């Protein structure tokens, strides 16, 4: 067995904000303002259309929504392969 074998593991997650936005009675627009993102950018994130999300942005979103990443990230089984 080759000990130098490198394995690549791809983890794909979906960002789900709708429930947390509802709990906080906050609009996508207001979240974008609080986090410091333009409306088109926060809209893509909120609707699951963003390809990547910076960890700093994820942290700011969680702070503003008073939640943890576990509350808004779920595995995307369809895109994991």
C-alpha atoms as a PDB file:
ATOM      1  CA  UNK A   1       0.000   0.000   0.000  1.00  0.00           C
ATOM      2  CA  UNK A   2       1.395   3.392  -0.995  1.00  0.00           C
ATOM      3  CA  UNK A   3       1.749   5.624   2.091  1.00  0.00           C
ATOM      4  CA  UNK A   4       2.168   8.711  -0.107  1.00  0.00           C
ATOM      5  CA  UNK A   5      -1.325   8.409  -1.537  1.00  0.00           C
ATOM      6  CA  UNK A   6      -3.141  11.740  -1.287  1.00  0.00           C
ATOM      7  CA  UNK A   7      -6.893  11.710  -0.885  1.00  0.00           C
ATOM      8  CA  UNK A   8      -9.119  14.602  -1.845  1.00  0.00           C
ATOM      9  CA  UNK A   9     -12.374  14.863   0.039  1.00  0.00           C
ATOM     10  CA  UNK A  10     -14.970  17.235  -1.333  1.00  0.00           C
ATOM     11  CA  UNK A  11     -17.457  18.593   1.177  1.00  0.00           C
ATOM     12  CA  UNK A  12     -20.309  20.618  -0.246  1.00  0.00           C
ATOM     13  CA  UNK A  13     -22.709  22.485   1.988  1.00  0.00           C
ATOM     14  CA  UNK A  14     -25.886  24.473   1.400  1.00  0.00           C
ATOM     15  CA  UNK A  15     -26.461  27.701   3.262  1.00  0.00           C
ATOM     16  CA  UNK A  16     -30.082  27.941   4.429  1.00  0.00           C
ATOM     17  CA  UNK A  17     -31.032  31.365   5.832  1.00  0.00           C
ATOM     18  CA  UNK A  18     -34.830  31.466   5.533  1.00  0.00           C
ATOM     19  CA  UNK A  19     -35.631  29.972   8.953  1.00  0.00           C
ATOM     20  CA  UNK A  20     -33.155  32.189  10.786  1.00  0.00           C
ATOM     21  CA  UNK A  21     -34.304  35.311   8.935  1.00  0.00           C
ATOM     22  CA  UNK A  22     -37.874  34.528   9.964  1.00  0.00           C
ATOM     23  CA  UNK A  23     -36.875  33.931  13.603  1.00  0.00           C
ATOM     24  CA  UNK A  24     -35.114  37.286  13.707  1.00  0.00           C
ATOM     25  CA  UNK A  25     -37.894  39.020  11.746  1.00  0.00           C
ATOM     26  CA  UNK A  26     -35.231  40.298   9.345  1.00  0.00           C
ATOM     27  CA  UNK A  27     -35.228  40.795   5.584  1.00  0.00           C
ATOM     28  CA  UNK A  28     -32.452  39.731   3.229  1.00  0.00           C
ATOM     29  CA  UNK A  29     -31.829  43.416   2.544  1.00  0.00           C
ATOM     30  CA  UNK A  30     -31.421  44.243   6.252  1.00  0.00           C
ATOM     31  CA  UNK A  31     -29.061  41.293   6.775  1.00  0.00           C
ATOM     32  CA  UNK A  32     -26.960  42.476   3.841  1.00  0.00           C
ATOM     33  CA  UNK A  33     -26.698  45.966   5.324  1.00  0.00           C
ATOM     34  CA  UNK A  34     -25.719  44.619   8.743  1.00  0.00           C
ATOM     35  CA  UNK A  35     -23.136  42.230   7.291  1.00  0.00           C
ATOM     36  CA  UNK A  36     -21.765  44.788   4.839  1.00  0.00           C
ATOM     37  CA  UNK A  37     -22.671  43.029   1.599  1.00  0.00           C
ATOM     38  CA  UNK A  38     -24.442  44.389  -1.453  1.00  0.00           C
ATOM     39  CA  UNK A  39     -28.018  43.279  -2.005  1.00  0.00           C
ATOM     40  CA  UNK A  40     -27.163  41.124  -5.063  1.00  0.00           C
ATOM     41  CA  UNK A  41     -24.458  39.314  -3.088  1.00  0.00           C
ATOM     42  CA  UNK A  42     -26.547  38.620   0.031  1.00  0.00           C
ATOM     43  CA  UNK A  43     -29.491  37.643  -2.196  1.00  0.00           C
ATOM     44  CA  UNK A  44     -27.351  34.986  -3.943  1.00  0.00           C
ATOM     45  CA  UNK A  45     -26.169  33.683  -0.587  1.00  0.00           C
ATOM     46  CA  UNK A  46     -29.701  33.614   0.863  1.00  0.00           C
ATOM     47  CA  UNK A  47     -31.152  31.864  -2.181  1.00  0.00           C
ATOM     48  CA  UNK A  48     -28.396  29.245  -2.347  1.00  0.00           C
ATOM     49  CA  UNK A  49     -26.958  30.587  -5.607  1.00  0.00           C
ATOM     50  CA  UNK A  50     -23.537  31.568  -4.217  1.00  0.00           C
ATOM     51  CA  UNK A  51     -20.695  29.260  -5.219  1.00  0.00           C
ATOM     52  CA  UNK A  52     -18.515  30.114  -2.222  1.00  0.00           C
ATOM     53  CA  UNK A  53     -18.940  32.003   1.018  1.00  0.00           C
ATOM     54  CA  UNK A  54     -15.961  33.435   2.879  1.00  0.00           C
ATOM     55  CA  UNK A  55     -15.682  32.188   6.481  1.00  0.00           C
ATOM     56  CA  UNK A  56     -15.514  35.772   7.740  1.00  0.00           C
ATOM     57  CA  UNK A  57     -18.827  36.509   5.976  1.00  0.00           C
ATOM     58  CA  UNK A  58     -20.315  33.306   7.399  1.00  0.00           C
ATOM     59  CA  UNK A  59     -19.258  34.434  10.872  1.00  0.00           C
ATOM     60  CA  UNK A  60     -20.838  37.867  10.411  1.00  0.00           C
ATOM     61  CA  UNK A  61     -24.069  36.293   9.141  1.00  0.00           C
ATOM     62  CA  UNK A  62     -24.189  34.012  12.187  1.00  0.00           C
ATOM     63  CA  UNK A  63     -23.513  36.936  14.517  1.00  0.00           C
ATOM     64  CA  UNK A  64     -26.327  39.035  13.041  1.00  0.00           C
ATOM     65  CA  UNK A  65     -28.764  36.119  13.039  1.00  0.00           C
ATOM     66  CA  UNK A  66     -27.732  35.026  16.561  1.00  0.00           C
ATOM     67  CA  UNK A  67     -27.096  31.486  15.388  1.00  0.00           C
ATOM     68  CA  UNK A  68     -24.250  29.055  14.809  1.00  0.00           C
ATOM     69  CA  UNK A  69     -23.028  27.686  11.461  1.00  0.00           C
ATOM     70  CA  UNK A  70     -24.775  24.418  12.362  1.00  0.00           C
ATOM     71  CA  UNK A  71     -28.082  26.270  12.228  1.00  0.00           C
ATOM     72  CA  UNK A  72     -27.638  27.492   8.644  1.00  0.00           C
ATOM     73  CA  UNK A  73     -25.368  24.929   6.932  1.00  0.00           C
ATOM     74  CA  UNK A  74     -26.578  21.558   5.702  1.00  0.00           C
ATOM     75  CA  UNK A  75     -24.780  18.961   3.578  1.00  0.00           C
ATOM     76  CA  UNK A  76     -25.603  19.104  -0.117  1.00  0.00           C
ATOM     77  CA  UNK A  77     -25.767  15.424  -1.020  1.00  0.00           C
ATOM     78  CA  UNK A  78     -26.558  16.167  -4.684  1.00  0.00           C
ATOM     79  CA  UNK A  79     -23.324  18.090  -5.336  1.00  0.00           C
ATOM     80  CA  UNK A  80     -20.871  16.129  -3.130  1.00  0.00           C
ATOM     81  CA  UNK A  81     -19.545  13.890  -5.881  1.00  0.00           C
END
